[in-house]
Amino acid sequence: MVDGFDIDEASVAAARKHAANAGVADRVHFEVVDVTGDFGDRAGQYDLVLAFEMVHDLARPREALANMRTLGLM
């Protein structure tokens, strides 16, 4: 299972469409989320957490990176 997060609704809609067209929508989930916000109950649920071409665009990169750390298995 793969989860993708983005704050832009249009980007998430496009990602969902691409996943459906590729036949992987049952294994890939995209959600509109502010990655600098609270991920709450997702802490420690991921084996791998990646950020592609986005950290340099964030107004609060430290918060996003700290959240990424909490998402990974501890």
PDB file of N, CA and C in Angstrom:
ATOM      1  N   MET A   1       0.832  -1.170   0.000  1.00  0.00           N
ATOM      2  CA  MET A   1       0.000   0.000   0.000  1.00  0.00           C
ATOM      3  C   MET A   1       0.885   1.245   0.000  1.00  0.00           C
ATOM      4  N   VAL A   2       0.472   2.239  -0.762  1.00  0.00           N
ATOM      5  CA  VAL A   2       1.202   3.497  -0.857  1.00  0.00           C
ATOM      6  C   VAL A   2       0.227   4.634  -0.614  1.00  0.00           C
ATOM      7  N   ASP A   3       0.625   5.601   0.216  1.00  0.00           N
ATOM      8  CA  ASP A   3      -0.175   6.787   0.473  1.00  0.00           C
ATOM      9  C   ASP A   3       0.594   8.000  -0.035  1.00  0.00           C
ATOM     10  N   GLY A   4      -0.120   8.912  -0.693  1.00  0.00           N
ATOM     11  CA  GLY A   4       0.483  10.153  -1.153  1.00  0.00           C
ATOM     12  C   GLY A   4      -0.286  11.327  -0.589  1.00  0.00           C
ATOM     13  N   PHE A   5       0.439  12.366  -0.201  1.00  0.00           N
ATOM     14  CA  PHE A   5      -0.179  13.537   0.405  1.00  0.00           C
ATOM     15  C   PHE A   5       0.226  14.792  -0.341  1.00  0.00           C
ATOM     16  N   ASP A   6      -0.722  15.681  -0.546  1.00  0.00           N
ATOM     17  CA  ASP A   6      -0.442  16.971  -1.182  1.00  0.00           C
ATOM     18  C   ASP A   6      -1.505  17.950  -0.714  1.00  0.00           C
ATOM     19  N   ILE A   7      -1.145  19.206  -0.608  1.00  0.00           N
ATOM     20  CA  ILE A   7      -2.106  20.218  -0.169  1.00  0.00           C
ATOM     21  C   ILE A   7      -2.966  20.713  -1.333  1.00  0.00           C
ATOM     22  N   ASP A   8      -2.530  20.447  -2.559  1.00  0.00           N
ATOM     23  CA  ASP A   8      -3.231  20.933  -3.746  1.00  0.00           C
ATOM     24  C   ASP A   8      -4.265  19.919  -4.229  1.00  0.00           C
ATOM     25  N   GLU A   9      -5.541  20.306  -4.164  1.00  0.00           N
ATOM     26  CA  GLU A   9      -6.632  19.397  -4.542  1.00  0.00           C
ATOM     27  C   GLU A   9      -6.541  18.948  -5.995  1.00  0.00           C
ATOM     28  N   ALA A  10      -6.145  19.846  -6.883  1.00  0.00           N
ATOM     29  CA  ALA A  10      -6.036  19.486  -8.301  1.00  0.00           C
ATOM     30  C   ALA A  10      -4.948  18.444  -8.520  1.00  0.00           C
ATOM     31  N   SER A  11      -3.848  18.557  -7.802  1.00  0.00           N
ATOM     32  CA  SER A  11      -2.763  17.576  -7.923  1.00  0.00           C
ATOM     33  C   SER A  11      -3.205  16.209  -7.412  1.00  0.00           C
ATOM     34  N   VAL A  12      -3.939  16.194  -6.323  1.00  0.00           N
ATOM     35  CA  VAL A  12      -4.440  14.933  -5.771  1.00  0.00           C
ATOM     36  C   VAL A  12      -5.446  14.302  -6.731  1.00  0.00           C
ATOM     37  N   ALA A  13      -6.319  15.102  -7.299  1.00  0.00           N
ATOM     38  CA  ALA A  13      -7.293  14.578  -8.267  1.00  0.00           C
ATOM     39  C   ALA A  13      -6.583  13.984  -9.478  1.00  0.00           C
ATOM     40  N   ALA A  14      -5.541  14.662  -9.959  1.00  0.00           N
ATOM     41  CA  ALA A  14      -4.780  14.150 -11.100  1.00  0.00           C
ATOM     42  C   ALA A  14      -4.068  12.854 -10.739  1.00  0.00           C
ATOM     43  N   ALA A  15      -3.505  12.787  -9.554  1.00  0.00           N
ATOM     44  CA  ALA A  15      -2.817  11.571  -9.113  1.00  0.00           C
ATOM     45  C   ALA A  15      -3.786  10.398  -9.011  1.00  0.00           C
ATOM     46  N   ARG A  16      -4.960  10.658  -8.487  1.00  0.00           N
ATOM     47  CA  ARG A  16      -5.972   9.597  -8.393  1.00  0.00           C
ATOM     48  C   ARG A  16      -6.364   9.097  -9.777  1.00  0.00           C
ATOM     49  N   LYS A  17      -6.507  10.018 -10.722  1.00  0.00           N
ATOM     50  CA  LYS A  17      -6.864   9.644 -12.093  1.00  0.00           C
ATOM     51  C   LYS A  17      -5.764   8.801 -12.728  1.00  0.00           C
ATOM     52  N   HIS A  18      -4.509   9.216 -12.540  1.00  0.00           N
ATOM     53  CA  HIS A  18      -3.383   8.451 -13.089  1.00  0.00           C
ATOM     54  C   HIS A  18      -3.311   7.052 -12.470  1.00  0.00           C
ATOM     55  N   ALA A  19      -3.560   6.962 -11.179  1.00  0.00           N
ATOM     56  CA  ALA A  19      -3.537   5.660 -10.514  1.00  0.00           C
ATOM     57  C   ALA A  19      -4.635   4.759 -11.066  1.00  0.00           C
ATOM     58  N   ALA A  20      -5.809   5.324 -11.275  1.00  0.00           N
ATOM     59  CA  ALA A  20      -6.922   4.539 -11.835  1.00  0.00           C
ATOM     60  C   ALA A  20      -6.595   4.079 -13.247  1.00  0.00           C
ATOM     61  N   ASN A  21      -6.037   4.980 -14.057  1.00  0.00           N
ATOM     62  CA  ASN A  21      -5.679   4.626 -15.429  1.00  0.00           C
ATOM     63  C   ASN A  21      -4.588   3.562 -15.486  1.00  0.00           C
ATOM     64  N   ALA A  22      -3.721   3.546 -14.487  1.00  0.00           N
ATOM     65  CA  ALA A  22      -2.636   2.567 -14.437  1.00  0.00           C
ATOM     66  C   ALA A  22      -3.074   1.253 -13.789  1.00  0.00           C
ATOM     67  N   GLY A  23      -4.302   1.224 -13.276  1.00  0.00           N
ATOM     68  CA  GLY A  23      -4.816   0.008 -12.659  1.00  0.00           C
ATOM     69  C   GLY A  23      -4.278  -0.279 -11.271  1.00  0.00           C
ATOM     70  N   VAL A  24      -3.835   0.764 -10.579  1.00  0.00           N
ATOM     71  CA  VAL A  24      -3.270   0.564  -9.239  1.00  0.00           C
ATOM     72  C   VAL A  24      -4.057   1.295  -8.143  1.00  0.00           C
ATOM     73  N   ALA A  25      -5.234   1.797  -8.476  1.00  0.00           N
ATOM     74  CA  ALA A  25      -6.017   2.579  -7.512  1.00  0.00           C
ATOM     75  C   ALA A  25      -6.383   1.789  -6.261  1.00  0.00           C
ATOM     76  N   ASP A  26      -6.363   0.470  -6.351  1.00  0.00           N
ATOM     77  CA  ASP A  26      -6.659  -0.347  -5.177  1.00  0.00           C
ATOM     78  C   ASP A  26      -5.471  -0.436  -4.214  1.00  0.00           C
ATOM     79  N   ARG A  27      -4.299  -0.004  -4.666  1.00  0.00           N
ATOM     80  CA  ARG A  27      -3.088  -0.091  -3.849  1.00  0.00           C
ATOM     81  C   ARG A  27      -2.448   1.260  -3.538  1.00  0.00           C
ATOM     82  N   VAL A  28      -2.960   2.315  -4.164  1.00  0.00           N
ATOM     83  CA  VAL A  28      -2.382   3.651  -4.007  1.00  0.00           C
ATOM     84  C   VAL A  28      -3.488   4.608  -3.574  1.00  0.00           C
ATOM     85  N   HIS A  29      -3.225   5.362  -2.525  1.00  0.00           N
ATOM     86  CA  HIS A  29      -4.222   6.273  -1.961  1.00  0.00           C
ATOM     87  C   HIS A  29      -3.623   7.676  -1.909  1.00  0.00           C
ATOM     88  N   PHE A  30      -4.358   8.656  -2.404  1.00  0.00           N
ATOM     89  CA  PHE A  30      -3.910  10.051  -2.368  1.00  0.00           C
ATOM     90  C   PHE A  30      -4.895  10.874  -1.560  1.00  0.00           C
ATOM     91  N   GLU A  31      -4.338  11.789  -0.780  1.00  0.00           N
ATOM     92  CA  GLU A  31      -5.176  12.567   0.134  1.00  0.00           C
ATOM     93  C   GLU A  31      -4.691  14.019   0.176  1.00  0.00           C
ATOM     94  N   VAL A  32      -5.641  14.943   0.264  1.00  0.00           N
ATOM     95  CA  VAL A  32      -5.308  16.355   0.423  1.00  0.00           C
ATOM     96  C   VAL A  32      -4.956  16.576   1.896  1.00  0.00           C
ATOM     97  N   VAL A  33      -3.687  16.912   2.143  1.00  0.00           N
ATOM     98  CA  VAL A  33      -3.193  17.086   3.507  1.00  0.00           C
ATOM     99  C   VAL A  33      -2.113  18.164   3.511  1.00  0.00           C
ATOM    100  N   ASP A  34      -2.109  18.974   4.544  1.00  0.00           N
ATOM    101  CA  ASP A  34      -1.011  19.910   4.778  1.00  0.00           C
ATOM    102  C   ASP A  34       0.068  19.138   5.526  1.00  0.00           C
ATOM    103  N   VAL A  35       1.181  18.868   4.872  1.00  0.00           N
ATOM    104  CA  VAL A  35       2.220  18.022   5.471  1.00  0.00           C
ATOM    105  C   VAL A  35       2.919  18.674   6.656  1.00  0.00           C
ATOM    106  N   THR A  36       2.664  19.967   6.890  1.00  0.00           N
ATOM    107  CA  THR A  36       3.234  20.605   8.071  1.00  0.00           C
ATOM    108  C   THR A  36       2.282  20.507   9.260  1.00  0.00           C
ATOM    109  N   GLY A  37       1.105  19.946   9.036  1.00  0.00           N
ATOM    110  CA  GLY A  37       0.118  19.796  10.106  1.00  0.00           C
ATOM    111  C   GLY A  37       0.262  18.478  10.837  1.00  0.00           C
ATOM    112  N   ASP A  38      -0.688  18.176  11.669  1.00  0.00           N
ATOM    113  CA  ASP A  38      -0.661  16.984  12.527  1.00  0.00           C
ATOM    114  C   ASP A  38      -1.160  15.752  11.766  1.00  0.00           C
ATOM    115  N   PHE A  39      -0.357  14.701  11.774  1.00  0.00           N
ATOM    116  CA  PHE A  39      -0.763  13.436  11.163  1.00  0.00           C
ATOM    117  C   PHE A  39      -1.364  12.483  12.197  1.00  0.00           C
ATOM    118  N   GLY A  40      -1.356  12.900  13.451  1.00  0.00           N
ATOM    119  CA  GLY A  40      -2.036  12.180  14.526  1.00  0.00           C
ATOM    120  C   GLY A  40      -1.817  10.687  14.573  1.00  0.00           C
ATOM    121  N   ASP A  41      -2.859   9.930  14.279  1.00  0.00           N
ATOM    122  CA  ASP A  41      -2.846   8.482  14.458  1.00  0.00           C
ATOM    123  C   ASP A  41      -1.994   7.731  13.433  1.00  0.00           C
ATOM    124  N   ARG A  42      -1.356   8.417  12.530  1.00  0.00           N
ATOM    125  CA  ARG A  42      -0.523   7.738  11.529  1.00  0.00           C
ATOM    126  C   ARG A  42       0.918   7.558  11.996  1.00  0.00           C
ATOM    127  N   ALA A  43       1.264   8.068  13.153  1.00  0.00           N
ATOM    128  CA  ALA A  43       2.638   7.984  13.641  1.00  0.00           C
ATOM    129  C   ALA A  43       3.123   6.543  13.668  1.00  0.00           C
ATOM    130  N   GLY A  44       4.314   6.340  13.111  1.00  0.00           N
ATOM    131  CA  GLY A  44       4.954   5.033  13.136  1.00  0.00           C
ATOM    132  C   GLY A  44       4.366   3.993  12.205  1.00  0.00           C
ATOM    133  N   GLN A  45       3.503   4.376  11.294  1.00  0.00           N
ATOM    134  CA  GLN A  45       2.821   3.394  10.445  1.00  0.00           C
ATOM    135  C   GLN A  45       3.517   3.097   9.127  1.00  0.00           C
ATOM    136  N   TYR A  46       4.568   3.804   8.796  1.00  0.00           N
ATOM    137  CA  TYR A  46       5.177   3.648   7.480  1.00  0.00           C
ATOM    138  C   TYR A  46       6.585   3.070   7.579  1.00  0.00           C
ATOM    139  N   ASP A  47       6.913   2.204   6.635  1.00  0.00           N
ATOM    140  CA  ASP A  47       8.261   1.648   6.543  1.00  0.00           C
ATOM    141  C   ASP A  47       9.213   2.631   5.871  1.00  0.00           C
ATOM    142  N   LEU A  48       8.670   3.449   4.993  1.00  0.00           N
ATOM    143  CA  LEU A  48       9.478   4.383   4.218  1.00  0.00           C
ATOM    144  C   LEU A  48       8.675   5.654   3.992  1.00  0.00           C
ATOM    145  N   VAL A  49       9.327   6.795   4.188  1.00  0.00           N
ATOM    146  CA  VAL A  49       8.677   8.093   3.973  1.00  0.00           C
ATOM    147  C   VAL A  49       9.592   8.907   3.062  1.00  0.00           C
ATOM    148  N   LEU A  50       9.055   9.378   1.941  1.00  0.00           N
ATOM    149  CA  LEU A  50       9.842  10.111   0.955  1.00  0.00           C
ATOM    150  C   LEU A  50       9.194  11.456   0.632  1.00  0.00           C
ATOM    151  N   ALA A  51      10.016  12.406   0.226  1.00  0.00           N
ATOM    152  CA  ALA A  51       9.534  13.701  -0.251  1.00  0.00           C
ATOM    153  C   ALA A  51      10.223  13.967  -1.586  1.00  0.00           C
ATOM    154  N   PHE A  52       9.427  14.149  -2.633  1.00  0.00           N
ATOM    155  CA  PHE A  52       9.980  14.388  -3.957  1.00  0.00           C
ATOM    156  C   PHE A  52       9.720  15.826  -4.400  1.00  0.00           C
ATOM    157  N   GLU A  53      10.795  16.549  -4.667  1.00  0.00           N
ATOM    158  CA  GLU A  53      10.712  17.878  -5.251  1.00  0.00           C
ATOM    159  C   GLU A  53       9.695  18.787  -4.568  1.00  0.00           C
ATOM    160  N   MET A  54       9.744  18.855  -3.225  1.00  0.00           N
ATOM    161  CA  MET A  54       8.754  19.681  -2.553  1.00  0.00           C
ATOM    162  C   MET A  54       9.284  20.404  -1.327  1.00  0.00           C
ATOM    163  N   VAL A  55      10.278  19.889  -0.660  1.00  0.00           N
ATOM    164  CA  VAL A  55      10.730  20.494   0.594  1.00  0.00           C
ATOM    165  C   VAL A  55      11.178  21.942   0.361  1.00  0.00           C
ATOM    166  N   HIS A  56      11.855  22.204  -0.728  1.00  0.00           N
ATOM    167  CA  HIS A  56      12.346  23.560  -1.008  1.00  0.00           C
ATOM    168  C   HIS A  56      11.213  24.556  -1.269  1.00  0.00           C
ATOM    169  N   ASP A  57      10.013  24.055  -1.555  1.00  0.00           N
ATOM    170  CA  ASP A  57       8.869  24.932  -1.809  1.00  0.00           C
ATOM    171  C   ASP A  57       8.045  25.235  -0.555  1.00  0.00           C
ATOM    172  N   LEU A  58       8.322  24.581   0.536  1.00  0.00           N
ATOM    173  CA  LEU A  58       7.510  24.715   1.742  1.00  0.00           C
ATOM    174  C   LEU A  58       7.846  25.987   2.528  1.00  0.00           C
ATOM    175  N   ALA A  59       6.833  26.594   3.088  1.00  0.00           N
ATOM    176  CA  ALA A  59       7.034  27.749   3.958  1.00  0.00           C
ATOM    177  C   ALA A  59       7.591  27.300   5.311  1.00  0.00           C
ATOM    178  N   ARG A  60       7.251  26.063   5.719  1.00  0.00           N
ATOM    179  CA  ARG A  60       7.687  25.530   7.016  1.00  0.00           C
ATOM    180  C   ARG A  60       8.296  24.135   6.825  1.00  0.00           C
ATOM    181  N   PRO A  61       9.471  24.052   6.203  1.00  0.00           N
ATOM    182  CA  PRO A  61      10.065  22.742   5.918  1.00  0.00           C
ATOM    183  C   PRO A  61      10.437  21.955   7.172  1.00  0.00           C
ATOM    184  N   ARG A  62      10.828  22.626   8.228  1.00  0.00           N
ATOM    185  CA  ARG A  62      11.192  21.899   9.454  1.00  0.00           C
ATOM    186  C   ARG A  62      10.018  21.103  10.003  1.00  0.00           C
ATOM    187  N   GLU A  63       8.840  21.716   9.991  1.00  0.00           N
ATOM    188  CA  GLU A  63       7.655  21.026  10.485  1.00  0.00           C
ATOM    189  C   GLU A  63       7.324  19.812   9.618  1.00  0.00           C
ATOM    190  N   ALA A  64       7.440  19.975   8.307  1.00  0.00           N
ATOM    191  CA  ALA A  64       7.166  18.866   7.395  1.00  0.00           C
ATOM    192  C   ALA A  64       8.145  17.719   7.618  1.00  0.00           C
ATOM    193  N   LEU A  65       9.425  18.035   7.741  1.00  0.00           N
ATOM    194  CA  LEU A  65      10.432  16.991   7.960  1.00  0.00           C
ATOM    195  C   LEU A  65      10.252  16.318   9.319  1.00  0.00           C
ATOM    196  N   ALA A  66       9.875  17.079  10.325  1.00  0.00           N
ATOM    197  CA  ALA A  66       9.613  16.488  11.642  1.00  0.00           C
ATOM    198  C   ALA A  66       8.428  15.532  11.557  1.00  0.00           C
ATOM    199  N   ASN A  67       7.387  15.917  10.813  1.00  0.00           N
ATOM    200  CA  ASN A  67       6.231  15.034  10.637  1.00  0.00           C
ATOM    201  C   ASN A  67       6.616  13.773   9.884  1.00  0.00           C
ATOM    202  N   MET A  68       7.460  13.914   8.882  1.00  0.00           N
ATOM    203  CA  MET A  68       7.913  12.745   8.134  1.00  0.00           C
ATOM    204  C   MET A  68       8.624  11.766   9.068  1.00  0.00           C
ATOM    205  N   ARG A  69       9.405  12.304   9.971  1.00  0.00           N
ATOM    206  CA  ARG A  69      10.120  11.446  10.916  1.00  0.00           C
ATOM    207  C   ARG A  69       9.156  10.669  11.814  1.00  0.00           C
ATOM    208  N   THR A  70       8.084  11.312  12.253  1.00  0.00           N
ATOM    209  CA  THR A  70       7.144  10.626  13.131  1.00  0.00           C
ATOM    210  C   THR A  70       6.309   9.586  12.380  1.00  0.00           C
ATOM    211  N   LEU A  71       6.141   9.774  11.062  1.00  0.00           N
ATOM    212  CA  LEU A  71       5.368   8.809  10.277  1.00  0.00           C
ATOM    213  C   LEU A  71       6.078   7.483  10.127  1.00  0.00           C
ATOM    214  N   GLY A  72       7.408   7.514  10.115  1.00  0.00           N
ATOM    215  CA  GLY A  72       8.189   6.296   9.952  1.00  0.00           C
ATOM    216  C   GLY A  72       8.171   5.427  11.192  1.00  0.00           C
ATOM    217  N   LEU A  73       8.467   4.167  10.983  1.00  0.00           N
ATOM    218  CA  LEU A  73       8.515   3.224  12.108  1.00  0.00           C
ATOM    219  C   LEU A  73       9.555   3.665  13.111  1.00  0.00           C
ATOM    220  N   MET A  74       9.210   3.588  14.362  1.00  0.00           N
ATOM    221  CA  MET A  74      10.122   4.041  15.422  1.00  0.00           C
ATOM    222  C   MET A  74      10.662   2.874  16.190  1.00  0.00           C
TER     223      MET A  74
END
